[in-house]
């Protein structure tokens, strides 16, 4: 059963330089505003019981999308559908009256979520207990800190037992104790088959809590799919933009002598897809042409680089005392195998060098060549998996 559906969902805001422009535009039917596209062309379906994470940089449109899904703002185009009772915690303290006490705002919030007066009175003790506000529950919310706002808001929207829960990044304001308590309740909702839409800059939480994810850039959906894959691709993008020259694409750089040079660098593995998997085979084939040199006069060096220019591992035939094998004519070949690849998820490329026997003089080098992707289904973080044992 579909819990949430969006079809070509979009939101555009009209920005006027001064208030009178709005009136003049209405009278003379001549545009006097600037259009700001916050969300555009968002389409997806979320099944009942699934958890959706939304990731992206600041200003990508995450909060706007959550407001559209929650129905707190109307779309400029497209449509959204939500099946079941919905609760949402969006902007910090939204919907609270500052002069009312916590208990009064809780009653008002429950009423807006559709609870009857009897159901509200039954819910109030649980809201009070979960929020841990103590006597502040009976004081005006204008005296609350930002963390106390979050405690009250989250307690209200989750106590009404919603079928669909939408949570913005407001939880990041709360203290560590309440963040843990809130995440535990969200996990319990997930285990109970509730549908959750969750927005956070904590990508580890998104991978752990969510089944699906959406990656937004400038209001447009770049990717929708498995949370693990979407978060990995988003992290790859972040790393690429954090290198020294973020605007340029990585291109293979090659420099060779005429007589002795590298002719081919390829990768291979077990799967038929382009992606490699942590713990499985990664093979690297290097072919060189030797015209004036012998096989014993040269060394092949291979360096694995991540797409943020992190050196992950480098080795050579000289270090491991391995000789090149003759293939045919002037072509020689060497194969490097990682039977149990220990690299974690990310985008990588190779730098391959043809060196002298001492590994000092460079005859030829291919940099940023043979790009490949590694995927890892677990939640380990870092560059590589290290062999370990728990006691």
Protein backbone atom coordinates (compact mmCIF):
# COMPACT_ATOMS: atom_id res chain seq x y z
CA UNK A 1 0.00 0.00 0.00
CA UNK A 2 1.30 3.45 -0.92
CA UNK A 3 1.78 5.65 2.15
CA UNK A 4 3.17 8.76 0.43
CA UNK A 5 3.12 9.63 -3.25
CA UNK A 6 4.52 12.70 -4.99
CA UNK A 7 3.94 13.46 -8.67
CA UNK A 8 5.94 16.28 -10.29
CA UNK A 9 5.83 18.16 -6.99
CA UNK A 10 7.12 21.73 -7.10
CA UNK A 11 7.14 24.94 -5.10
CA UNK A 12 7.93 28.40 -6.49
CA UNK A 13 7.97 31.60 -4.44
CA UNK A 14 7.27 35.10 -5.74
CA UNK A 15 9.71 37.69 -4.40
CA UNK A 16 8.73 41.37 -4.64
CA UNK A 17 11.25 44.19 -4.16
CA UNK A 18 8.60 46.19 -2.28
CA UNK A 19 5.04 45.45 -1.06
CA UNK A 20 3.37 47.83 -3.53
CA UNK A 21 4.67 45.77 -6.46
CA UNK A 22 2.23 43.03 -5.57
CA UNK A 23 -0.72 45.42 -5.87
CA UNK A 24 0.60 46.97 -9.10
CA UNK A 25 1.07 43.54 -10.59
CA UNK A 26 -2.52 42.63 -9.75
CA UNK A 27 -3.91 45.84 -11.24
CA UNK A 28 -1.84 46.09 -14.42
CA UNK A 29 -1.30 42.35 -14.98
CA UNK A 30 2.39 42.93 -15.55
CA UNK A 31 4.93 40.76 -13.73
CA UNK A 32 6.84 42.68 -11.08
CA UNK A 33 8.26 39.78 -9.11
CA UNK A 34 11.22 37.43 -9.21
CA UNK A 35 10.58 33.70 -9.14
CA UNK A 36 12.56 31.52 -6.74
CA UNK A 37 12.23 27.79 -7.45
CA UNK A 38 12.56 25.94 -4.13
CA UNK A 39 11.43 22.48 -5.31
CA UNK A 40 10.90 21.22 -8.83
CA UNK A 41 9.79 17.98 -10.46
CA UNK A 42 9.85 15.66 -7.42
CA UNK A 43 8.17 12.28 -8.08
CA UNK A 44 8.38 9.14 -5.93
CA UNK A 45 6.33 6.57 -4.02
CA UNK A 46 6.89 5.37 -0.46
CA UNK A 47 5.19 2.18 0.65
CA UNK A 48 3.55 1.72 4.05
CA UNK A 49 6.14 0.80 6.67
CA UNK A 50 9.09 2.23 4.74
CA UNK A 51 11.39 4.92 6.11
CA UNK A 52 12.63 7.67 3.81
CA UNK A 53 15.70 9.82 4.43
CA UNK A 54 16.27 13.14 2.67
CA UNK A 55 19.86 14.30 2.22
CA UNK A 56 21.49 17.30 0.60
CA UNK A 57 23.44 20.44 1.36
CA UNK A 58 21.97 23.47 3.12
CA UNK A 59 19.55 25.21 0.75
CA UNK A 60 18.92 22.07 -1.28
CA UNK A 61 15.17 22.17 -0.52
CA UNK A 62 14.89 19.46 2.15
CA UNK A 63 12.70 21.46 4.55
CA UNK A 64 10.49 22.73 1.73
CA UNK A 65 9.93 19.17 0.52
CA UNK A 66 8.99 18.04 4.04
CA UNK A 67 6.50 20.90 4.34
CA UNK A 68 4.93 19.94 1.02
CA UNK A 69 4.66 16.29 2.07
CA UNK A 70 3.19 17.30 5.43
CA UNK A 71 0.68 19.60 3.74
CA UNK A 72 1.70 22.70 5.67
CA UNK A 73 2.35 24.57 2.42
CA UNK A 74 0.58 24.18 -0.91
CA UNK A 75 2.51 23.09 -4.00
CA UNK A 76 2.86 25.42 -6.98
CA UNK A 77 2.66 22.41 -9.28
CA UNK A 78 2.11 18.67 -9.07
CA UNK A 79 0.43 16.81 -6.24
CA UNK A 80 1.16 14.84 -3.11
CA UNK A 81 -0.87 12.11 -1.40
CA UNK A 82 -0.60 10.83 2.14
CA UNK A 83 -2.59 7.84 3.41
CA UNK A 84 -3.16 7.66 7.16
CA UNK A 85 -2.92 9.96 10.17
CA UNK A 86 0.11 12.24 9.74
CA UNK A 87 2.20 13.99 12.37
CA UNK A 88 5.10 16.30 11.61
CA UNK A 89 7.77 18.20 13.48
CA UNK A 90 9.16 20.80 11.12
CA UNK A 91 10.40 24.27 12.02
CA UNK A 92 11.45 24.69 15.62
CA UNK A 93 8.46 25.66 17.74
CA UNK A 94 6.10 26.10 14.80
CA UNK A 95 2.46 26.00 15.90
CA UNK A 96 3.20 26.95 19.49
CA UNK A 97 1.67 30.03 21.09
CA UNK A 98 4.41 31.66 23.17
CA UNK A 99 2.01 32.93 25.84
CA UNK A 100 0.43 29.51 26.41
CA UNK A 101 1.90 26.95 28.73
CA UNK A 102 3.38 23.67 27.56
CA UNK A 103 0.28 21.71 28.57
CA UNK A 104 -2.00 24.18 26.79
CA UNK A 105 0.07 23.98 23.61
CA UNK A 106 0.09 20.19 23.92
CA UNK A 107 -3.72 20.11 24.12
CA UNK A 108 -3.96 22.45 21.12
CA UNK A 109 -1.47 20.36 19.13
CA UNK A 110 -3.34 17.14 19.85
CA UNK A 111 -6.62 18.74 18.80
CA UNK A 112 -5.08 19.89 15.52
CA UNK A 113 -3.91 16.31 14.94
CA UNK A 114 -7.48 15.06 15.24
CA UNK A 115 -7.72 13.72 18.80
CA UNK A 116 -10.98 13.95 20.67
CA UNK A 117 -11.12 15.74 24.06
CA UNK A 118 -11.09 12.37 25.84
CA UNK A 119 -8.12 11.13 23.81
CA UNK A 120 -6.28 14.39 24.54
CA UNK A 121 -6.63 14.02 28.28
CA UNK A 122 -5.38 10.45 28.08
CA UNK A 123 -2.38 11.57 26.01
CA UNK A 124 -1.31 14.49 28.22
CA UNK A 125 0.37 12.40 30.99
CA UNK A 126 2.42 10.49 28.38
CA UNK A 127 3.46 13.74 26.68
CA UNK A 128 4.50 15.19 30.04
CA UNK A 129 6.49 12.10 30.96
CA UNK A 130 8.23 11.67 27.61
CA UNK A 131 9.17 15.36 27.29
CA UNK A 132 10.79 15.34 30.76
CA UNK A 133 9.94 19.05 31.11
CA UNK A 134 8.94 18.77 34.74
CA UNK A 135 7.34 21.92 36.11
CA UNK A 136 8.13 23.78 32.86
CA UNK A 137 5.29 21.80 31.29
CA UNK A 138 2.96 24.24 33.11
CA UNK A 139 4.91 27.41 32.25
CA UNK A 140 4.62 29.60 29.08
CA UNK A 141 6.66 28.23 26.18
CA UNK A 142 8.22 31.68 25.66
CA UNK A 143 10.40 30.75 28.64
CA UNK A 144 11.63 27.56 26.91
CA UNK A 145 15.05 26.97 25.43
CA UNK A 146 15.31 25.62 21.89
CA UNK A 147 15.90 22.15 23.29
CA UNK A 148 12.76 22.34 25.40
CA UNK A 149 10.75 23.36 22.30
CA UNK A 150 11.98 20.20 20.60
CA UNK A 151 11.10 18.02 23.58
CA UNK A 152 7.53 19.30 23.67
CA UNK A 153 7.00 19.20 19.89
CA UNK A 154 8.39 15.70 19.43
CA UNK A 155 6.45 14.38 22.41
CA UNK A 156 3.19 15.72 21.00
CA UNK A 157 3.56 14.48 17.43
CA UNK A 158 4.68 10.99 18.42
CA UNK A 159 2.28 10.40 21.31
CA UNK A 160 -0.78 10.63 19.04
CA UNK A 161 0.32 7.34 17.39
CA UNK A 162 0.57 8.57 13.79
CA UNK A 163 0.65 6.26 10.79
CA UNK A 164 3.01 8.67 8.99
CA UNK A 165 5.68 10.65 10.87
CA UNK A 166 7.66 13.47 9.24
CA UNK A 167 10.68 14.80 11.12
CA UNK A 168 12.91 17.70 10.07
CA UNK A 169 16.41 18.48 11.38
CA UNK A 170 14.95 20.03 14.53
CA UNK A 171 16.05 17.01 16.56
CA UNK A 172 19.67 18.07 16.13
CA UNK A 173 18.92 20.95 18.52
CA UNK A 174 18.12 18.66 21.45
CA UNK A 175 20.66 17.30 23.90
CA UNK A 176 22.28 13.91 23.42
CA UNK A 177 19.98 12.20 25.91
CA UNK A 178 16.80 13.35 24.18
CA UNK A 179 18.20 12.72 20.70
CA UNK A 180 18.85 9.11 21.71
CA UNK A 181 15.40 8.82 23.27
CA UNK A 182 13.75 10.26 20.16
CA UNK A 183 15.65 7.98 17.79
CA UNK A 184 14.65 4.99 19.92
CA UNK A 185 11.00 5.99 19.60
CA UNK A 186 11.38 6.43 15.83
CA UNK A 187 12.97 2.99 15.62
CA UNK A 188 10.03 1.58 17.58
CA UNK A 189 7.67 3.26 15.09
CA UNK A 190 9.57 1.67 12.24
CA UNK A 191 9.41 -1.76 13.91
CA UNK A 192 5.66 -1.28 14.29
CA UNK A 193 5.24 -0.74 10.55
CA UNK A 194 4.82 3.04 10.62
CA UNK A 195 5.97 5.21 7.72
CA UNK A 196 8.67 7.77 8.52
CA UNK A 197 10.19 10.61 6.50
CA UNK A 198 13.41 11.70 8.15
CA UNK A 199 15.72 14.59 7.28
CA UNK A 200 19.18 14.86 8.80
CA UNK A 201 22.78 15.86 8.13
CA UNK A 202 23.81 12.83 10.18
CA UNK A 203 24.31 10.42 7.27
CA UNK A 204 25.04 7.51 9.58
CA UNK A 205 21.56 7.86 11.08
CA UNK A 206 20.02 8.02 7.61
CA UNK A 207 21.77 4.79 6.55
CA UNK A 208 20.81 3.03 9.79
CA UNK A 209 17.22 4.20 10.09
CA UNK A 210 16.04 4.56 6.49
CA UNK A 211 15.12 2.05 3.78
CA UNK A 212 15.01 4.64 0.98
CA UNK A 213 16.59 8.04 0.49
CA UNK A 214 16.27 11.10 -1.72
CA UNK A 215 19.28 13.24 -2.62
CA UNK A 216 18.38 16.87 -3.41
CA UNK A 217 20.51 19.48 -5.18
CA UNK A 218 19.10 22.97 -5.74
CA UNK A 219 15.53 21.76 -5.34
CA UNK A 220 15.85 18.89 -7.80
CA UNK A 221 15.96 15.19 -7.04
CA UNK A 222 19.31 13.77 -8.11
CA UNK A 223 18.63 10.24 -6.90
CA UNK A 224 15.93 8.16 -5.21
CA UNK A 225 16.58 4.60 -4.12
CA UNK A 226 18.25 2.46 -1.48
CA UNK A 227 19.38 4.61 1.46
CA UNK A 228 22.82 2.99 1.47
CA UNK A 229 23.43 3.67 -2.23
CA UNK A 230 22.06 7.22 -2.15
CA UNK A 231 24.10 8.20 0.92
CA UNK A 232 27.25 6.64 -0.55
CA UNK A 233 26.78 8.59 -3.79
CA UNK A 234 26.09 11.79 -1.86
CA UNK A 235 29.27 11.30 0.18
CA UNK A 236 31.23 10.69 -3.03
CA UNK A 237 29.93 14.00 -4.35
CA UNK A 238 30.92 15.81 -1.15
CA UNK A 239 34.45 14.40 -1.36
CA UNK A 240 34.81 15.44 -5.00
CA UNK A 241 33.78 19.01 -4.15
CA UNK A 242 36.23 19.14 -1.23
CA UNK A 243 39.33 18.51 -3.35
CA UNK A 244 41.57 21.45 -4.25
CA UNK A 245 40.05 21.94 -7.73
CA UNK A 246 36.37 21.14 -7.15
CA UNK A 247 35.17 22.50 -10.47
CA UNK A 248 37.18 20.20 -12.71
CA UNK A 249 36.42 16.63 -13.70
CA UNK A 250 39.04 14.00 -13.06
CA UNK A 251 40.78 13.11 -16.32
CA UNK A 252 43.42 10.46 -16.89
CA UNK A 253 46.86 12.06 -17.18
CA UNK A 254 49.40 10.14 -19.26
CA UNK A 255 53.03 10.83 -19.97
CA UNK A 256 55.25 8.33 -21.73
CA UNK A 257 58.49 7.84 -23.59
CA UNK A 258 58.22 6.60 -27.13
CA UNK A 259 59.98 3.28 -26.59
CA UNK A 260 58.71 1.99 -23.22
CA UNK A 261 55.22 2.79 -22.07
CA UNK A 262 51.98 1.59 -20.51
CA UNK A 263 49.37 0.54 -23.06
CA UNK A 264 46.44 -0.69 -20.98
CA UNK A 265 45.10 -0.58 -17.40
CA UNK A 266 41.90 -2.48 -16.62
CA UNK A 267 40.06 -3.74 -13.55
CA UNK A 268 38.05 -6.94 -13.11
CA UNK A 269 36.04 -8.68 -10.39
CA UNK A 270 33.46 -11.35 -9.65
CA UNK A 271 30.30 -9.36 -10.42
CA UNK A 272 29.10 -8.54 -13.89
CA UNK A 273 28.20 -4.99 -12.79
CA UNK A 274 30.66 -2.10 -12.75
CA UNK A 275 30.67 -1.90 -8.94
CA UNK A 276 33.01 -3.88 -6.71
CA UNK A 277 31.98 -5.18 -3.29
CA UNK A 278 33.93 -5.00 -0.04
CA UNK A 279 35.24 -8.47 0.79
CA UNK A 280 35.19 -9.70 -2.81
CA UNK A 281 37.75 -9.76 -5.62
CA UNK A 282 39.31 -6.67 -7.18
CA UNK A 283 41.77 -7.42 -9.97
CA UNK A 284 44.01 -4.98 -11.83
CA UNK A 285 45.64 -5.77 -15.18
CA UNK A 286 48.51 -3.67 -16.49
CA UNK A 287 50.09 -4.11 -19.91
CA UNK A 288 53.29 -2.35 -21.03
CA UNK A 289 55.37 -2.21 -24.19
CA UNK A 290 59.11 -2.64 -23.72
CA UNK A 291 61.18 -1.78 -26.77
CA UNK A 292 64.60 -0.92 -25.39
CA UNK A 293 64.26 -2.42 -21.91
CA UNK A 294 64.01 -5.95 -20.53
CA UNK A 295 61.30 -7.11 -18.13
CA UNK A 296 63.82 -7.37 -15.30
CA UNK A 297 64.82 -3.73 -15.88
CA UNK A 298 61.41 -2.28 -14.98
CA UNK A 299 58.99 -2.06 -12.09
CA UNK A 300 55.22 -1.53 -12.11
CA UNK A 301 53.81 0.62 -9.29
CA UNK A 302 50.08 0.86 -8.57
CA UNK A 303 48.42 3.37 -6.22
CA UNK A 304 44.72 3.29 -5.31
CA UNK A 305 43.30 6.77 -4.76
CA UNK A 306 39.88 7.82 -3.47
CA UNK A 307 38.08 10.60 -5.35
CA UNK A 308 39.05 13.16 -2.68
CA UNK A 309 42.74 12.48 -3.44
CA UNK A 310 43.27 10.26 -0.40
CA UNK A 311 46.05 7.73 -0.97
CA UNK A 312 44.47 4.44 0.09
CA UNK A 313 47.19 1.96 -0.83
CA UNK A 314 50.27 1.72 -3.01
CA UNK A 315 52.47 -1.23 -3.92
CA UNK A 316 54.93 -2.23 -6.64
CA UNK A 317 56.42 -5.32 -8.25
CA UNK A 318 59.75 -4.26 -6.74
CA UNK A 319 58.34 -4.22 -3.19
CA UNK A 320 56.79 -7.67 -3.61
CA UNK A 321 59.66 -8.96 -5.81
CA UNK A 322 57.40 -9.98 -8.69
CA UNK A 323 58.49 -10.13 -12.35
CA UNK A 324 56.52 -9.03 -15.41
CA UNK A 325 55.31 -11.83 -17.64
CA UNK A 326 55.83 -11.79 -21.41
CA UNK A 327 52.55 -11.85 -23.33
CA UNK A 328 53.38 -11.44 -27.02
CA UNK A 329 55.79 -9.42 -29.09
CA UNK A 330 56.96 -6.44 -27.07
CA UNK A 331 53.96 -6.56 -24.69
CA UNK A 332 54.43 -7.56 -21.04
CA UNK A 333 51.79 -7.95 -18.40
CA UNK A 334 51.31 -8.03 -14.64
CA UNK A 335 48.14 -8.71 -12.63
CA UNK A 336 47.49 -7.49 -9.09
CA UNK A 337 44.66 -9.19 -7.18
CA UNK A 338 42.96 -8.25 -3.93
CA UNK A 339 41.08 -11.48 -3.23
CA UNK A 340 39.21 -9.92 -0.30
CA UNK A 341 38.99 -6.21 -1.07
CA UNK A 342 39.10 -4.20 2.16
CA UNK A 343 38.14 -0.79 0.75
CA UNK A 344 34.82 0.63 1.97
CA UNK A 345 32.17 2.40 -0.11
CA UNK A 346 33.39 5.15 -2.39
CA UNK A 347 34.66 6.14 -5.81
CA UNK A 348 38.28 5.31 -6.55
CA UNK A 349 40.80 5.47 -9.37
CA UNK A 350 44.29 4.17 -10.07
CA UNK A 351 47.67 5.78 -10.62
CA UNK A 352 49.99 3.39 -12.46
CA UNK A 353 53.73 3.89 -12.97
CA UNK A 354 56.36 2.24 -15.17
CA UNK A 355 59.65 2.69 -13.32
CA UNK A 356 63.20 1.46 -13.43
CA UNK A 357 64.31 -1.57 -11.44
CA UNK A 358 65.08 0.56 -8.37
CA UNK A 359 61.66 2.22 -8.49
CA UNK A 360 63.11 5.72 -8.86
CA UNK A 361 63.09 6.81 -12.51
CA UNK A 362 59.67 7.10 -14.16
CA UNK A 363 59.43 5.93 -17.78
CA UNK A 364 55.67 6.34 -17.99
CA UNK A 365 52.78 7.15 -15.67
CA UNK A 366 49.00 7.06 -15.97
CA UNK A 367 47.26 9.09 -13.28
CA UNK A 368 43.54 9.08 -12.42
CA UNK A 369 42.89 6.13 -14.71
CA UNK A 370 40.59 3.08 -14.53
CA UNK A 371 37.99 4.63 -12.17
CA UNK A 372 35.89 2.17 -10.19
CA UNK A 373 33.23 2.11 -7.46
CA UNK A 374 33.18 0.05 -4.26
CA UNK A 375 29.97 -0.66 -2.38
CA UNK A 376 29.64 -2.02 1.14
CA UNK A 377 26.27 -2.95 2.66
CA UNK A 378 27.39 -2.57 6.28
CA UNK A 379 27.55 0.66 8.31
CA UNK A 380 31.32 0.72 8.73
CA UNK A 381 32.88 4.12 8.12
CA UNK A 382 36.28 5.22 6.90
CA UNK A 383 38.46 4.21 3.96
CA UNK A 384 39.18 0.54 4.59
CA UNK A 385 38.00 -2.42 6.61
CA UNK A 386 40.64 -3.48 9.10
CA UNK A 387 40.83 -7.06 10.31
CA UNK A 388 39.72 -7.04 13.94
CA UNK A 389 38.40 -9.13 16.78
CA UNK A 390 36.10 -8.25 19.68
CA UNK A 391 36.76 -9.70 23.13
